[in-house]
Amino acid sequence: MSANAEANMSGLKRLWTRIVGIFEALEGIDDPTGDYMLSLEKRVDKLERALERLETQLHSDGVNGIKPETIAQTRLHAH
């Protein structure tokens, strides 16, 4: 191999090494959109659990000890 070809290969190798280094550095950067979506997913899960808990409480205890059926009948007769 000629000296010129070896110099070109050496240059390409250095370029490739730098490109790999850049990609490795980019892998460590946070993904703001992905982090935001994950945060939203956690918030939605938390709200869904709270809603389930409240619905269970409503169906078992009613509001101030009044059963939901009684509340619904009262609303029906009020209209």
PDB file of N, CA and C in Angstrom:
ATOM      1  N   MET A   1       0.847  -1.166   0.000  1.00  0.00           N
ATOM      2  CA  MET A   1       0.000   0.000   0.000  1.00  0.00           C
ATOM      3  C   MET A   1       0.890   1.226   0.000  1.00  0.00           C
ATOM      4  N   SER A   2       0.516   2.209  -0.782  1.00  0.00           N
ATOM      5  CA  SER A   2       1.346   3.412  -0.881  1.00  0.00           C
ATOM      6  C   SER A   2       1.163   4.277   0.365  1.00  0.00           C
ATOM      7  N   ALA A   3       2.116   5.189   0.552  1.00  0.00           N
ATOM      8  CA  ALA A   3       2.075   6.089   1.706  1.00  0.00           C
ATOM      9  C   ALA A   3       0.829   6.960   1.656  1.00  0.00           C
ATOM     10  N   ASN A   4       0.414   7.357   0.449  1.00  0.00           N
ATOM     11  CA  ASN A   4      -0.770   8.193   0.281  1.00  0.00           C
ATOM     12  C   ASN A   4      -2.034   7.422   0.702  1.00  0.00           C
ATOM     13  N   ALA A   5      -2.119   6.157   0.302  1.00  0.00           N
ATOM     14  CA  ALA A   5      -3.283   5.335   0.658  1.00  0.00           C
ATOM     15  C   ALA A   5      -3.332   5.108   2.163  1.00  0.00           C
ATOM     16  N   GLU A   6      -2.133   4.877   2.762  1.00  0.00           N
ATOM     17  CA  GLU A   6      -2.091   4.691   4.211  1.00  0.00           C
ATOM     18  C   GLU A   6      -2.507   5.961   4.940  1.00  0.00           C
ATOM     19  N   ALA A   7      -2.109   7.103   4.432  1.00  0.00           N
ATOM     20  CA  ALA A   7      -2.489   8.383   5.043  1.00  0.00           C
ATOM     21  C   ALA A   7      -4.001   8.574   4.938  1.00  0.00           C
ATOM     22  N   ASN A   8      -4.585   8.215   3.788  1.00  0.00           N
ATOM     23  CA  ASN A   8      -6.035   8.334   3.625  1.00  0.00           C
ATOM     24  C   ASN A   8      -6.775   7.405   4.587  1.00  0.00           C
ATOM     25  N   MET A   9      -6.267   6.166   4.726  1.00  0.00           N
ATOM     26  CA  MET A   9      -6.897   5.202   5.636  1.00  0.00           C
ATOM     27  C   MET A   9      -6.783   5.688   7.076  1.00  0.00           C
ATOM     28  N   SER A  10      -5.648   6.258   7.417  1.00  0.00           N
ATOM     29  CA  SER A  10      -5.451   6.771   8.766  1.00  0.00           C
ATOM     30  C   SER A  10      -6.421   7.927   9.033  1.00  0.00           C
ATOM     31  N   GLY A  11      -6.606   8.784   8.037  1.00  0.00           N
ATOM     32  CA  GLY A  11      -7.549   9.898   8.170  1.00  0.00           C
ATOM     33  C   GLY A  11      -8.982   9.404   8.328  1.00  0.00           C
ATOM     34  N   LEU A  12      -9.332   8.378   7.545  1.00  0.00           N
ATOM     35  CA  LEU A  12     -10.675   7.811   7.650  1.00  0.00           C
ATOM     36  C   LEU A  12     -10.898   7.169   9.016  1.00  0.00           C
ATOM     37  N   LYS A  13      -9.843   6.510   9.512  1.00  0.00           N
ATOM     38  CA  LYS A  13      -9.959   5.870  10.819  1.00  0.00           C
ATOM     39  C   LYS A  13     -10.166   6.922  11.912  1.00  0.00           C
ATOM     40  N   ARG A  14      -9.429   8.017  11.833  1.00  0.00           N
ATOM     41  CA  ARG A  14      -9.601   9.092  12.821  1.00  0.00           C
ATOM     42  C   ARG A  14     -11.006   9.692  12.721  1.00  0.00           C
ATOM     43  N   LEU A  15     -11.493   9.883  11.494  1.00  0.00           N
ATOM     44  CA  LEU A  15     -12.836  10.428  11.282  1.00  0.00           C
ATOM     45  C   LEU A  15     -13.879   9.485  11.871  1.00  0.00           C
ATOM     46  N   TRP A  16     -13.718   8.190  11.572  1.00  0.00           N
ATOM     47  CA  TRP A  16     -14.669   7.205  12.090  1.00  0.00           C
ATOM     48  C   TRP A  16     -14.658   7.192  13.621  1.00  0.00           C
ATOM     49  N   THR A  17     -13.479   7.285  14.222  1.00  0.00           N
ATOM     50  CA  THR A  17     -13.360   7.298  15.671  1.00  0.00           C
ATOM     51  C   THR A  17     -14.082   8.506  16.251  1.00  0.00           C
ATOM     52  N   ARG A  18     -13.949   9.652  15.607  1.00  0.00           N
ATOM     53  CA  ARG A  18     -14.644  10.866  16.075  1.00  0.00           C
ATOM     54  C   ARG A  18     -16.150  10.731  15.915  1.00  0.00           C
ATOM     55  N   ILE A  19     -16.597  10.152  14.817  1.00  0.00           N
ATOM     56  CA  ILE A  19     -18.033   9.972  14.599  1.00  0.00           C
ATOM     57  C   ILE A  19     -18.614   9.047  15.672  1.00  0.00           C
ATOM     58  N   VAL A  20     -17.924   7.957  15.953  1.00  0.00           N
ATOM     59  CA  VAL A  20     -18.378   7.034  16.990  1.00  0.00           C
ATOM     60  C   VAL A  20     -18.438   7.744  18.333  1.00  0.00           C
ATOM     61  N   GLY A  21     -17.435   8.551  18.620  1.00  0.00           N
ATOM     62  CA  GLY A  21     -17.421   9.314  19.879  1.00  0.00           C
ATOM     63  C   GLY A  21     -18.603  10.264  19.986  1.00  0.00           C
ATOM     64  N   ILE A  22     -18.945  10.903  18.873  1.00  0.00           N
ATOM     65  CA  ILE A  22     -20.095  11.819  18.871  1.00  0.00           C
ATOM     66  C   ILE A  22     -21.388  11.052  19.137  1.00  0.00           C
ATOM     67  N   PHE A  23     -21.566   9.916  18.474  1.00  0.00           N
ATOM     68  CA  PHE A  23     -22.773   9.119  18.693  1.00  0.00           C
ATOM     69  C   PHE A  23     -22.861   8.604  20.130  1.00  0.00           C
ATOM     70  N   GLU A  24     -21.742   8.212  20.692  1.00  0.00           N
ATOM     71  CA  GLU A  24     -21.746   7.766  22.087  1.00  0.00           C
ATOM     72  C   GLU A  24     -22.127   8.913  23.016  1.00  0.00           C
ATOM     73  N   ALA A  25     -21.660  10.117  22.718  1.00  0.00           N
ATOM     74  CA  ALA A  25     -22.018  11.281  23.530  1.00  0.00           C
ATOM     75  C   ALA A  25     -23.510  11.590  23.402  1.00  0.00           C
ATOM     76  N   LEU A  26     -24.052  11.441  22.194  1.00  0.00           N
ATOM     77  CA  LEU A  26     -25.473  11.714  21.973  1.00  0.00           C
ATOM     78  C   LEU A  26     -26.362  10.716  22.700  1.00  0.00           C
ATOM     79  N   GLU A  27     -25.895   9.496  22.900  1.00  0.00           N
ATOM     80  CA  GLU A  27     -26.681   8.490  23.603  1.00  0.00           C
ATOM     81  C   GLU A  27     -26.972   8.909  25.037  1.00  0.00           C
ATOM     82  N   GLY A  28     -26.104   9.695  25.620  1.00  0.00           N
ATOM     83  CA  GLY A  28     -26.282  10.118  27.005  1.00  0.00           C
ATOM     84  C   GLY A  28     -27.185  11.320  27.173  1.00  0.00           C
ATOM     85  N   ILE A  29     -27.580  11.940  26.086  1.00  0.00           N
ATOM     86  CA  ILE A  29     -28.427  13.125  26.178  1.00  0.00           C
ATOM     87  C   ILE A  29     -29.851  12.686  26.493  1.00  0.00           C
ATOM     88  N   ASP A  30     -30.480  13.407  27.408  1.00  0.00           N
ATOM     89  CA  ASP A  30     -31.867  13.088  27.766  1.00  0.00           C
ATOM     90  C   ASP A  30     -32.797  13.383  26.601  1.00  0.00           C
ATOM     91  N   ASP A  31     -33.885  12.653  26.577  1.00  0.00           N
ATOM     92  CA  ASP A  31     -34.919  12.833  25.567  1.00  0.00           C
ATOM     93  C   ASP A  31     -36.074  13.592  26.219  1.00  0.00           C
ATOM     94  N   PRO A  32     -36.115  14.919  26.067  1.00  0.00           N
ATOM     95  CA  PRO A  32     -37.133  15.702  26.772  1.00  0.00           C
ATOM     96  C   PRO A  32     -38.561  15.282  26.418  1.00  0.00           C
ATOM     97  N   THR A  33     -38.808  14.957  25.162  1.00  0.00           N
ATOM     98  CA  THR A  33     -40.159  14.562  24.767  1.00  0.00           C
ATOM     99  C   THR A  33     -40.518  13.232  25.409  1.00  0.00           C
ATOM    100  N   GLY A  34     -39.605  12.287  25.372  1.00  0.00           N
ATOM    101  CA  GLY A  34     -39.846  10.993  25.990  1.00  0.00           C
ATOM    102  C   GLY A  34     -40.026  11.104  27.494  1.00  0.00           C
ATOM    103  N   ASP A  35     -39.195  11.938  28.140  1.00  0.00           N
ATOM    104  CA  ASP A  35     -39.320  12.146  29.583  1.00  0.00           C
ATOM    105  C   ASP A  35     -40.666  12.777  29.915  1.00  0.00           C
ATOM    106  N   TYR A  36     -41.096  13.728  29.096  1.00  0.00           N
ATOM    107  CA  TYR A  36     -42.377  14.395  29.315  1.00  0.00           C
ATOM    108  C   TYR A  36     -43.526  13.402  29.177  1.00  0.00           C
ATOM    109  N   MET A  37     -43.463  12.553  28.150  1.00  0.00           N
ATOM    110  CA  MET A  37     -44.525  11.563  27.935  1.00  0.00           C
ATOM    111  C   MET A  37     -44.558  10.560  29.089  1.00  0.00           C
ATOM    112  N   LEU A  38     -43.404  10.146  29.565  1.00  0.00           N
ATOM    113  CA  LEU A  38     -43.340   9.228  30.696  1.00  0.00           C
ATOM    114  C   LEU A  38     -43.945   9.879  31.940  1.00  0.00           C
ATOM    115  N   SER A  39     -43.633  11.142  32.147  1.00  0.00           N
ATOM    116  CA  SER A  39     -44.187  11.879  33.278  1.00  0.00           C
ATOM    117  C   SER A  39     -45.705  11.967  33.169  1.00  0.00           C
ATOM    118  N   LEU A  40     -46.208  12.239  31.966  1.00  0.00           N
ATOM    119  CA  LEU A  40     -47.657  12.300  31.765  1.00  0.00           C
ATOM    120  C   LEU A  40     -48.300  10.948  32.031  1.00  0.00           C
ATOM    121  N   GLU A  41     -47.649   9.889  31.575  1.00  0.00           N
ATOM    122  CA  GLU A  41     -48.181   8.547  31.792  1.00  0.00           C
ATOM    123  C   GLU A  41     -48.296   8.250  33.283  1.00  0.00           C
ATOM    124  N   LYS A  42     -47.277   8.633  34.052  1.00  0.00           N
ATOM    125  CA  LYS A  42     -47.311   8.409  35.499  1.00  0.00           C
ATOM    126  C   LYS A  42     -48.435   9.209  36.143  1.00  0.00           C
ATOM    127  N   ARG A  43     -48.623  10.459  35.692  1.00  0.00           N
ATOM    128  CA  ARG A  43     -49.688  11.295  36.240  1.00  0.00           C
ATOM    129  C   ARG A  43     -51.060  10.722  35.916  1.00  0.00           C
ATOM    130  N   VAL A  44     -51.239  10.243  34.686  1.00  0.00           N
ATOM    131  CA  VAL A  44     -52.517   9.647  34.295  1.00  0.00           C
ATOM    132  C   VAL A  44     -52.784   8.393  35.121  1.00  0.00           C
ATOM    133  N   ASP A  45     -51.768   7.564  35.314  1.00  0.00           N
ATOM    134  CA  ASP A  45     -51.929   6.359  36.135  1.00  0.00           C
ATOM    135  C   ASP A  45     -52.356   6.728  37.553  1.00  0.00           C
ATOM    136  N   LYS A  46     -51.720   7.757  38.112  1.00  0.00           N
ATOM    137  CA  LYS A  46     -52.052   8.201  39.465  1.00  0.00           C
ATOM    138  C   LYS A  46     -53.495   8.698  39.533  1.00  0.00           C
ATOM    139  N   LEU A  47     -53.910   9.474  38.542  1.00  0.00           N
ATOM    140  CA  LEU A  47     -55.285   9.972  38.509  1.00  0.00           C
ATOM    141  C   LEU A  47     -56.292   8.843  38.333  1.00  0.00           C
ATOM    142  N   GLU A  48     -55.961   7.857  37.507  1.00  0.00           N
ATOM    143  CA  GLU A  48     -56.856   6.720  37.320  1.00  0.00           C
ATOM    144  C   GLU A  48     -57.029   5.932  38.615  1.00  0.00           C
ATOM    145  N   ARG A  49     -55.942   5.746  39.353  1.00  0.00           N
ATOM    146  CA  ARG A  49     -56.039   5.036  40.641  1.00  0.00           C
ATOM    147  C   ARG A  49     -56.889   5.823  41.626  1.00  0.00           C
ATOM    148  N   ALA A  50     -56.702   7.146  41.654  1.00  0.00           N
ATOM    149  CA  ALA A  50     -57.491   7.989  42.552  1.00  0.00           C
ATOM    150  C   ALA A  50     -58.970   7.934  42.174  1.00  0.00           C
ATOM    151  N   LEU A  51     -59.270   7.959  40.889  1.00  0.00           N
ATOM    152  CA  LEU A  51     -60.650   7.878  40.424  1.00  0.00           C
ATOM    153  C   LEU A  51     -61.280   6.545  40.803  1.00  0.00           C
ATOM    154  N   GLU A  52     -60.543   5.458  40.617  1.00  0.00           N
ATOM    155  CA  GLU A  52     -61.053   4.144  41.008  1.00  0.00           C
ATOM    156  C   GLU A  52     -61.345   4.095  42.500  1.00  0.00           C
ATOM    157  N   ARG A  53     -60.439   4.657  43.294  1.00  0.00           N
ATOM    158  CA  ARG A  53     -60.629   4.676  44.747  1.00  0.00           C
ATOM    159  C   ARG A  53     -61.881   5.480  45.116  1.00  0.00           C
ATOM    160  N   LEU A  54     -62.064   6.633  44.475  1.00  0.00           N
ATOM    161  CA  LEU A  54     -63.236   7.462  44.761  1.00  0.00           C
ATOM    162  C   LEU A  54     -64.525   6.790  44.306  1.00  0.00           C
ATOM    163  N   GLU A  55     -64.491   6.132  43.137  1.00  0.00           N
ATOM    164  CA  GLU A  55     -65.686   5.434  42.670  1.00  0.00           C
ATOM    165  C   GLU A  55     -66.050   4.289  43.608  1.00  0.00           C
ATOM    166  N   THR A  56     -65.059   3.571  44.076  1.00  0.00           N
ATOM    167  CA  THR A  56     -65.301   2.488  45.018  1.00  0.00           C
ATOM    168  C   THR A  56     -65.895   3.040  46.303  1.00  0.00           C
ATOM    169  N   GLN A  57     -65.334   4.130  46.766  1.00  0.00           N
ATOM    170  CA  GLN A  57     -65.831   4.757  47.988  1.00  0.00           C
ATOM    171  C   GLN A  57     -67.266   5.251  47.787  1.00  0.00           C
ATOM    172  N   LEU A  58     -67.558   5.833  46.659  1.00  0.00           N
ATOM    173  CA  LEU A  58     -68.898   6.336  46.372  1.00  0.00           C
ATOM    174  C   LEU A  58     -69.909   5.200  46.346  1.00  0.00           C
ATOM    175  N   HIS A  59     -69.532   4.098  45.696  1.00  0.00           N
ATOM    176  CA  HIS A  59     -70.462   2.979  45.575  1.00  0.00           C
ATOM    177  C   HIS A  59     -70.642   2.223  46.884  1.00  0.00           C
ATOM    178  N   SER A  60     -69.649   2.265  47.754  1.00  0.00           N
ATOM    179  CA  SER A  60     -69.780   1.527  49.007  1.00  0.00           C
ATOM    180  C   SER A  60     -70.394   2.387  50.110  1.00  0.00           C
ATOM    181  N   ASP A  61     -70.001   3.656  50.199  1.00  0.00           N
ATOM    182  CA  ASP A  61     -70.451   4.508  51.303  1.00  0.00           C
ATOM    183  C   ASP A  61     -71.533   5.498  50.892  1.00  0.00           C
ATOM    184  N   GLY A  62     -71.566   5.848  49.620  1.00  0.00           N
ATOM    185  CA  GLY A  62     -72.446   6.932  49.206  1.00  0.00           C
ATOM    186  C   GLY A  62     -71.843   8.248  49.641  1.00  0.00           C
ATOM    187  N   VAL A  63     -72.603   9.304  49.520  1.00  0.00           N
ATOM    188  CA  VAL A  63     -72.141  10.623  49.921  1.00  0.00           C
ATOM    189  C   VAL A  63     -72.760  10.927  51.273  1.00  0.00           C
ATOM    190  N   ASN A  64     -71.929  11.142  52.262  1.00  0.00           N
ATOM    191  CA  ASN A  64     -72.376  11.395  53.630  1.00  0.00           C
ATOM    192  C   ASN A  64     -73.322  10.307  54.117  1.00  0.00           C
ATOM    193  N   GLY A  65     -73.018   9.063  53.747  1.00  0.00           N
ATOM    194  CA  GLY A  65     -73.827   7.948  54.200  1.00  0.00           C
ATOM    195  C   GLY A  65     -75.064   7.695  53.359  1.00  0.00           C
ATOM    196  N   ILE A  66     -75.319   8.517  52.340  1.00  0.00           N
ATOM    197  CA  ILE A  66     -76.478   8.334  51.461  1.00  0.00           C
ATOM    198  C   ILE A  66     -76.031   7.496  50.280  1.00  0.00           C
ATOM    199  N   LYS A  67     -76.770   6.455  49.994  1.00  0.00           N
ATOM    200  CA  LYS A  67     -76.418   5.566  48.894  1.00  0.00           C
ATOM    201  C   LYS A  67     -76.569   6.275  47.553  1.00  0.00           C
ATOM    202  N   PRO A  68     -75.746   5.915  46.560  1.00  0.00           N
ATOM    203  CA  PRO A  68     -75.812   6.544  45.240  1.00  0.00           C
ATOM    204  C   PRO A  68     -77.191   6.420  44.602  1.00  0.00           C
ATOM    205  N   GLU A  69     -77.879   5.310  44.855  1.00  0.00           N
ATOM    206  CA  GLU A  69     -79.204   5.125  44.266  1.00  0.00           C
ATOM    207  C   GLU A  69     -80.168   6.191  44.770  1.00  0.00           C
ATOM    208  N   THR A  70     -80.060   6.521  46.046  1.00  0.00           N
ATOM    209  CA  THR A  70     -80.922   7.538  46.639  1.00  0.00           C
ATOM    210  C   THR A  70     -80.615   8.904  46.039  1.00  0.00           C
ATOM    211  N   ILE A  71     -79.341   9.185  45.849  1.00  0.00           N
ATOM    212  CA  ILE A  71     -78.931  10.457  45.237  1.00  0.00           C
ATOM    213  C   ILE A  71     -79.473  10.532  43.808  1.00  0.00           C
ATOM    214  N   ALA A  72     -79.356   9.450  43.058  1.00  0.00           N
ATOM    215  CA  ALA A  72     -79.840   9.439  41.681  1.00  0.00           C
ATOM    216  C   ALA A  72     -81.347   9.636  41.637  1.00  0.00           C
ATOM    217  N   GLN A  73     -82.081   8.996  42.533  1.00  0.00           N
ATOM    218  CA  GLN A  73     -83.539   9.146  42.558  1.00  0.00           C
ATOM    219  C   GLN A  73     -83.915  10.579  42.905  1.00  0.00           C
ATOM    220  N   THR A  74     -83.190  11.185  43.846  1.00  0.00           N
ATOM    221  CA  THR A  74     -83.470  12.558  44.241  1.00  0.00           C
ATOM    222  C   THR A  74     -83.244  13.487  43.060  1.00  0.00           C
ATOM    223  N   ARG A  75     -82.177  13.276  42.314  1.00  0.00           N
ATOM    224  CA  ARG A  75     -81.902  14.109  41.146  1.00  0.00           C
ATOM    225  C   ARG A  75     -82.968  13.899  40.076  1.00  0.00           C
ATOM    226  N   LEU A  76     -83.421  12.679  39.909  1.00  0.00           N
ATOM    227  CA  LEU A  76     -84.426  12.356  38.905  1.00  0.00           C
ATOM    228  C   LEU A  76     -85.732  13.060  39.235  1.00  0.00           C
ATOM    229  N   HIS A  77     -86.128  13.052  40.506  1.00  0.00           N
ATOM    230  CA  HIS A  77     -87.394  13.679  40.912  1.00  0.00           C
ATOM    231  C   HIS A  77     -87.279  15.201  40.940  1.00  0.00           C
ATOM    232  N   ALA A  78     -86.078  15.726  41.046  1.00  0.00           N
ATOM    233  CA  ALA A  78     -85.898  17.189  41.087  1.00  0.00           C
ATOM    234  C   ALA A  78     -86.119  17.814  39.721  1.00  0.00           C
ATOM    235  N   HIS A  79     -85.963  17.039  38.644  1.00  0.00           N
ATOM    236  CA  HIS A  79     -86.087  17.604  37.289  1.00  0.00           C
ATOM    237  C   HIS A  79     -87.442  17.479  36.786  1.00  0.00           C
TER     238      HIS A  79
END
